[in-house]
Amino acid sequence: MTDGRERPVNLAVLMRDGFKALNDRVLHRLAAEGHEAVRPAHSAVFEFLDETGTTVSALADRAQMTKQGMAELVRHLEEHGYVTREPDPDDRRAKLVLLTPAGREVVRIAQRLVPELEQQVADLVGPERARALREDLTAIGRLGATDP
């Protein structure tokens, strides 16, 4: 709480806001291309889904969220035709989440936008600072692999 004062901004908030700005551009493009049902939270499914399918439990673990929360995201995407659930051939008790053709189209659109977004960042801050930003974010990402 800040008692009505302006909240201080820290690096984590700035990185989140930068991610949100770029992700919103992807979502806007997806909506423009007919995929209005895809929301920001659904990136957790698309990002962590293997080509050969992935269980909801594995998706939840990878996204660091509850199984129930991931199941809800998958259910929404399934209802809108982006994923399907099929029996796991290695474990008939489990089901694999797989992309449908519409889901693969969403991934193609997002991947196609990556160079465009990176160019927008380079245009905004300059190519050298964009390269340094990539290096800095890579180094910061390694913090997660070490003990605090």
C-alpha atoms as a PDB file:
ATOM      1  CA  MET A   1       0.000   0.000   0.000  1.00  0.00           C
ATOM      2  CA  THR A   2       1.190   3.491  -0.737  1.00  0.00           C
ATOM      3  CA  ASP A   3      -1.441   5.657   1.009  1.00  0.00           C
ATOM      4  CA  GLY A   4      -2.489   7.200  -2.275  1.00  0.00           C
ATOM      5  CA  ARG A   5       1.063   8.116  -3.238  1.00  0.00           C
ATOM      6  CA  GLU A   6       2.510   7.134  -6.586  1.00  0.00           C
ATOM      7  CA  ARG A   7       3.826   3.595  -6.452  1.00  0.00           C
ATOM      8  CA  PRO A   8       7.567   3.193  -6.860  1.00  0.00           C
ATOM      9  CA  VAL A   9       8.588   1.413 -10.068  1.00  0.00           C
ATOM     10  CA  ASN A  10      11.171  -1.342  -9.890  1.00  0.00           C
ATOM     11  CA  LEU A  11      12.935  -3.413 -12.542  1.00  0.00           C
ATOM     12  CA  ALA A  12      10.511  -6.326 -12.298  1.00  0.00           C
ATOM     13  CA  VAL A  13       7.554  -4.010 -12.940  1.00  0.00           C
ATOM     14  CA  LEU A  14       9.346  -2.338 -15.857  1.00  0.00           C
ATOM     15  CA  MET A  15      10.156  -5.731 -17.417  1.00  0.00           C
ATOM     16  CA  ARG A  16       6.569  -6.873 -16.954  1.00  0.00           C
ATOM     17  CA  ASP A  17       5.265  -3.689 -18.541  1.00  0.00           C
ATOM     18  CA  GLY A  18       7.634  -4.106 -21.493  1.00  0.00           C
ATOM     19  CA  PHE A  19       6.480  -7.689 -21.965  1.00  0.00           C
ATOM     20  CA  LYS A  20       2.852  -6.604 -21.775  1.00  0.00           C
ATOM     21  CA  ALA A  21       3.381  -3.894 -24.395  1.00  0.00           C
ATOM     22  CA  LEU A  22       4.919  -6.362 -26.854  1.00  0.00           C
ATOM     23  CA  ASN A  23       2.424  -9.121 -26.046  1.00  0.00           C
ATOM     24  CA  ASP A  24      -0.492  -6.718 -26.554  1.00  0.00           C
ATOM     25  CA  ARG A  25       0.770  -6.062 -30.093  1.00  0.00           C
ATOM     26  CA  VAL A  26       0.679  -9.806 -30.778  1.00  0.00           C
ATOM     27  CA  LEU A  27      -2.829 -10.119 -29.345  1.00  0.00           C
ATOM     28  CA  HIS A  28      -4.017  -7.147 -31.405  1.00  0.00           C
ATOM     29  CA  ARG A  29      -2.677  -8.783 -34.575  1.00  0.00           C
ATOM     30  CA  LEU A  30      -4.245 -12.126 -33.641  1.00  0.00           C
ATOM     31  CA  ALA A  31      -7.599 -10.417 -33.154  1.00  0.00           C
ATOM     32  CA  ALA A  32      -7.221  -8.612 -36.486  1.00  0.00           C
ATOM     33  CA  GLU A  33      -6.644 -11.973 -38.142  1.00  0.00           C
ATOM     34  CA  GLY A  34      -9.758 -13.542 -36.602  1.00  0.00           C
ATOM     35  CA  HIS A  35      -8.439 -14.955 -33.326  1.00  0.00           C
ATOM     36  CA  GLU A  36     -10.273 -12.725 -30.824  1.00  0.00           C
ATOM     37  CA  ALA A  37     -10.732 -15.610 -28.370  1.00  0.00           C
ATOM     38  CA  VAL A  38      -7.005 -15.724 -27.573  1.00  0.00           C
ATOM     39  CA  ARG A  39      -6.243 -13.745 -24.415  1.00  0.00           C
ATOM     40  CA  PRO A  40      -2.971 -12.855 -22.637  1.00  0.00           C
ATOM     41  CA  ALA A  41      -3.227 -15.781 -20.219  1.00  0.00           C
ATOM     42  CA  HIS A  42      -3.382 -18.244 -23.115  1.00  0.00           C
ATOM     43  CA  SER A  43       0.251 -17.575 -23.945  1.00  0.00           C
ATOM     44  CA  ALA A  44       1.046 -19.983 -21.090  1.00  0.00           C
ATOM     45  CA  VAL A  45      -0.506 -22.777 -23.134  1.00  0.00           C
ATOM     46  CA  PHE A  46       0.984 -21.871 -26.506  1.00  0.00           C
ATOM     47  CA  GLU A  47       4.438 -21.190 -25.070  1.00  0.00           C
ATOM     48  CA  PHE A  48       4.811 -24.489 -23.232  1.00  0.00           C
ATOM     49  CA  LEU A  49       2.987 -26.900 -25.554  1.00  0.00           C
ATOM     50  CA  ASP A  50       5.174 -29.514 -27.260  1.00  0.00           C
ATOM     51  CA  GLU A  51       4.645 -30.343 -30.928  1.00  0.00           C
ATOM     52  CA  THR A  52       3.730 -33.937 -29.962  1.00  0.00           C
ATOM     53  CA  GLY A  53       1.327 -32.837 -27.227  1.00  0.00           C
ATOM     54  CA  THR A  54       1.636 -32.131 -23.533  1.00  0.00           C
ATOM     55  CA  THR A  55      -0.428 -33.059 -20.487  1.00  0.00           C
ATOM     56  CA  VAL A  56      -2.211 -30.343 -18.532  1.00  0.00           C
ATOM     57  CA  SER A  57      -0.032 -31.240 -15.523  1.00  0.00           C
ATOM     58  CA  ALA A  58       3.174 -30.669 -17.491  1.00  0.00           C
ATOM     59  CA  LEU A  59       1.839 -27.404 -18.908  1.00  0.00           C
ATOM     60  CA  ALA A  60       0.939 -26.222 -15.406  1.00  0.00           C
ATOM     61  CA  ASP A  61       4.381 -27.131 -14.070  1.00  0.00           C
ATOM     62  CA  ARG A  62       6.147 -25.339 -16.921  1.00  0.00           C
ATOM     63  CA  ALA A  63       3.978 -22.226 -16.525  1.00  0.00           C
ATOM     64  CA  GLN A  64       4.311 -22.330 -12.733  1.00  0.00           C
ATOM     65  CA  MET A  65       0.586 -22.305 -12.164  1.00  0.00           C
ATOM     66  CA  THR A  66      -2.008 -24.639 -10.698  1.00  0.00           C
ATOM     67  CA  LYS A  67      -3.298 -27.603 -12.634  1.00  0.00           C
ATOM     68  CA  GLN A  68      -6.836 -26.260 -12.220  1.00  0.00           C
ATOM     69  CA  GLY A  69      -5.863 -22.885 -13.667  1.00  0.00           C
ATOM     70  CA  MET A  70      -4.152 -24.487 -16.651  1.00  0.00           C
ATOM     71  CA  ALA A  71      -7.103 -26.811 -17.204  1.00  0.00           C
ATOM     72  CA  GLU A  72      -9.367 -23.754 -17.420  1.00  0.00           C
ATOM     73  CA  LEU A  73      -7.111 -22.115 -20.031  1.00  0.00           C
ATOM     74  CA  VAL A  74      -6.998 -25.336 -22.045  1.00  0.00           C
ATOM     75  CA  ARG A  75     -10.783 -25.724 -21.791  1.00  0.00           C
ATOM     76  CA  HIS A  76     -11.309 -22.222 -23.209  1.00  0.00           C
ATOM     77  CA  LEU A  77      -8.901 -22.866 -26.085  1.00  0.00           C
ATOM     78  CA  GLU A  78     -10.517 -26.238 -26.747  1.00  0.00           C
ATOM     79  CA  GLU A  79     -14.002 -24.678 -26.856  1.00  0.00           C
ATOM     80  CA  HIS A  80     -12.723 -22.146 -29.405  1.00  0.00           C
ATOM     81  CA  GLY A  81     -11.030 -24.768 -31.583  1.00  0.00           C
ATOM     82  CA  TYR A  82      -7.361 -24.006 -30.863  1.00  0.00           C
ATOM     83  CA  VAL A  83      -6.444 -27.218 -29.050  1.00  0.00           C
ATOM     84  CA  THR A  84      -7.793 -30.696 -28.644  1.00  0.00           C
ATOM     85  CA  ARG A  85      -7.285 -33.307 -25.934  1.00  0.00           C
ATOM     86  CA  GLU A  86      -6.478 -36.834 -27.031  1.00  0.00           C
ATOM     87  CA  PRO A  87      -5.475 -39.983 -25.146  1.00  0.00           C
ATOM     88  CA  ASP A  88      -1.748 -40.270 -24.481  1.00  0.00           C
ATOM     89  CA  PRO A  89      -0.530 -43.343 -26.398  1.00  0.00           C
ATOM     90  CA  ASP A  90       2.030 -43.990 -23.633  1.00  0.00           C
ATOM     91  CA  ASP A  91      -0.456 -43.636 -20.753  1.00  0.00           C
ATOM     92  CA  ARG A  92      -4.120 -44.203 -21.594  1.00  0.00           C
ATOM     93  CA  ARG A  93      -5.151 -42.575 -18.292  1.00  0.00           C
ATOM     94  CA  ALA A  94      -3.616 -39.271 -19.391  1.00  0.00           C
ATOM     95  CA  LYS A  95      -4.661 -36.908 -22.151  1.00  0.00           C
ATOM     96  CA  LEU A  96      -2.378 -34.847 -24.323  1.00  0.00           C
ATOM     97  CA  VAL A  97      -3.191 -31.291 -25.331  1.00  0.00           C
ATOM     98  CA  LEU A  98      -2.474 -30.822 -29.043  1.00  0.00           C
ATOM     99  CA  LEU A  99      -2.740 -27.845 -31.366  1.00  0.00           C
ATOM    100  CA  THR A 100      -5.451 -27.870 -34.013  1.00  0.00           C
ATOM    101  CA  PRO A 101      -4.880 -26.190 -37.385  1.00  0.00           C
ATOM    102  CA  ALA A 102      -6.286 -22.962 -35.877  1.00  0.00           C
ATOM    103  CA  GLY A 103      -3.871 -23.270 -32.951  1.00  0.00           C
ATOM    104  CA  ARG A 104      -0.950 -23.789 -35.315  1.00  0.00           C
ATOM    105  CA  GLU A 105      -2.047 -20.666 -37.199  1.00  0.00           C
ATOM    106  CA  VAL A 106      -1.927 -18.663 -33.948  1.00  0.00           C
ATOM    107  CA  VAL A 107       1.634 -19.890 -33.351  1.00  0.00           C
ATOM    108  CA  ARG A 108       2.639 -19.033 -36.939  1.00  0.00           C
ATOM    109  CA  ILE A 109       1.224 -15.517 -36.624  1.00  0.00           C
ATOM    110  CA  ALA A 110       3.025 -14.926 -33.319  1.00  0.00           C
ATOM    111  CA  GLN A 111       6.314 -16.293 -34.647  1.00  0.00           C
ATOM    112  CA  ARG A 112       5.989 -14.195 -37.794  1.00  0.00           C
ATOM    113  CA  LEU A 113       5.658 -11.085 -35.593  1.00  0.00           C
ATOM    114  CA  VAL A 114       8.854 -11.665 -33.598  1.00  0.00           C
ATOM    115  CA  PRO A 115      11.232 -10.024 -36.115  1.00  0.00           C
ATOM    116  CA  GLU A 116       8.793  -7.137 -36.585  1.00  0.00           C
ATOM    117  CA  LEU A 117       8.564  -6.524 -32.826  1.00  0.00           C
ATOM    118  CA  GLU A 118      12.318  -6.757 -32.394  1.00  0.00           C
ATOM    119  CA  GLN A 119      12.753  -4.235 -35.215  1.00  0.00           C
ATOM    120  CA  GLN A 120      10.279  -1.904 -33.523  1.00  0.00           C
ATOM    121  CA  VAL A 121      12.341  -2.097 -30.338  1.00  0.00           C
ATOM    122  CA  ALA A 122      15.556  -1.431 -32.300  1.00  0.00           C
ATOM    123  CA  ASP A 123      13.896   1.530 -34.024  1.00  0.00           C
ATOM    124  CA  LEU A 124      12.798   2.877 -30.646  1.00  0.00           C
ATOM    125  CA  VAL A 125      16.048   2.538 -28.684  1.00  0.00           C
ATOM    126  CA  GLY A 126      18.635   2.031 -31.436  1.00  0.00           C
ATOM    127  CA  PRO A 127      20.252  -1.186 -32.646  1.00  0.00           C
ATOM    128  CA  GLU A 128      23.143  -1.147 -30.156  1.00  0.00           C
ATOM    129  CA  ARG A 129      20.878  -0.606 -27.159  1.00  0.00           C
ATOM    130  CA  ALA A 130      18.487  -3.292 -28.462  1.00  0.00           C
ATOM    131  CA  ARG A 131      21.415  -5.733 -28.691  1.00  0.00           C
ATOM    132  CA  ALA A 132      22.564  -4.740 -25.194  1.00  0.00           C
ATOM    133  CA  LEU A 133      18.998  -5.111 -23.909  1.00  0.00           C
ATOM    134  CA  ARG A 134      18.867  -8.660 -25.277  1.00  0.00           C
ATOM    135  CA  GLU A 135      22.176  -9.475 -23.578  1.00  0.00           C
ATOM    136  CA  ASP A 136      21.058  -7.879 -20.307  1.00  0.00           C
ATOM    137  CA  LEU A 137      17.729  -9.701 -20.258  1.00  0.00           C
ATOM    138  CA  THR A 138      19.511 -12.989 -21.011  1.00  0.00           C
ATOM    139  CA  ALA A 139      21.835 -12.389 -18.058  1.00  0.00           C
ATOM    140  CA  ILE A 140      18.920 -11.440 -15.799  1.00  0.00           C
ATOM    141  CA  GLY A 141      17.104 -14.598 -16.883  1.00  0.00           C
ATOM    142  CA  ARG A 142      20.021 -16.655 -15.603  1.00  0.00           C
ATOM    143  CA  LEU A 143      19.299 -15.360 -12.084  1.00  0.00           C
ATOM    144  CA  GLY A 144      16.403 -17.792 -11.960  1.00  0.00           C
ATOM    145  CA  ALA A 145      18.810 -20.717 -12.274  1.00  0.00           C
ATOM    146  CA  THR A 146      20.835 -19.690  -9.210  1.00  0.00           C
ATOM    147  CA  ASP A 147      20.071 -19.598  -5.514  1.00  0.00           C
ATOM    148  CA  PRO A 148      19.067 -16.158  -4.205  1.00  0.00           C
END
